[in-house]
Amino acid sequence: MASRPPAPKQPSSRRPHNATKRPADKPIPTDVPATKADMHPRNPHRGRYDFPTLVAACPELGSFVSVNAHGDASIDFADAAAVKALNRALLQHFYGVKNWDIPDGYLCPPIPGRADYLHHAADLLAPANGGEVPTGDSIRVLDIGIGANAVYPLIGRHTYGWQFVGSDIDATALDNVRRILDHNPQLATGLELRLQTSPRRFLRNVVEPGELFDLTLCNPPFHTSQDEAAAASTRKWQNLGKQPTTTKLNFGGQSNELLYSGGEEAFITGLIEESKRFSTQCLWFTSLVSKSTTLPAVYRALRSVGAVKVRTVEMAQGQKKSRFVAWTFFSDTQHKAWRQRMRRDETE
């Protein structure tokens, strides 16, 4: 299925002409990390980036770290190479992922925000499990649009031990995920990749008859056109204090990762409509929603398909606000019965 991000995407790989790397022999500033209280309590990225520790995990990051105008260690978030090195360091240090990489031009997702979505989504499974988030291979999660980065399975497998299926319409993206798994055999047993053959399908062609999932995750493409995507890219450059010199999508991303006819609203409502057909095969469906203006159409679609429960979970990372919508076709009693059945299957 189409990859999808509602979060900052990979910047241009061009280094701004006035940006310089930190000299290799210059020490990295250290300070006491402040806590981001608005992030999920289980999110290990609630503190500020501990650059000395991250550079120890990924030495190449060190050349991008310098002191910003506030006297803090940081990187130039408009530099694609710096952002990629930061992601590689975060995945190595926190999740034991080795040699993570993505092809040029593919989305480079923000690890803290992706982890926040995963942890909040995990909370949906706790009530039917005695208030505890269930762990282990018995929990199966579908990542709709895994992309080339595979961030959700990489984090989720390490943190919760869940089994993942990742789908995407981009064969090149799936090939890159296989390369990542080749370097991380400890994670490979927890992820199965499936090519979605239709760009207008979400669950069909991927979910097999009788197959069960506890949870789905999805980052929809949220632009309707190249012009809209370019305008969003320009705003992000300006938020970083940069002046874009081209209309190119400076934050990267393949067209299928960024664009969908009808935008985010059409994508999510299409997923909702299709979820009705698989209502007994998944406990919780979820999708990120980038724009709050999309919510009314999402709620109308959920009423139309007869969702039993709908939850909107607000999230924040600094000044950036985001949310995801979750829906289920099961009652509370059916939720408990689902978990009891999964436990029986686990012991058989």
Foldseek 3Di string as FASTA:
>chain_A
DFAFALAFWQFAQDDPPPDFWDPLPDDADADDWDAQVQFDPPQPPRTDDGVVQLCVQPVVLRRQWDQDPVRHTDGQRNNRVNLQSSLQSCLCRPQVQPPQDFDPQATRGDLRVLVRVLVVQQQVLQVLVVNDRAAAALAEEEEFRCFLRNNNLSVRCRPRVYAYEYEHQDPRSVVNVVVSCVRPVVSVVRYHYDYDPDLLDTPPVPADPPAAHAEYEGRQQADADLQRLLVVQQVVCVVSVHGDPDSPSRSGHDCSHHHDHVGPLSNLLSVLVVVLVVQVRYFKYKYKDNDPVSVVSNVVSCVVSPFPDKDKAWGDDVPRIIIMMMTHNDDPVVSNVVVVVSVVVVVD
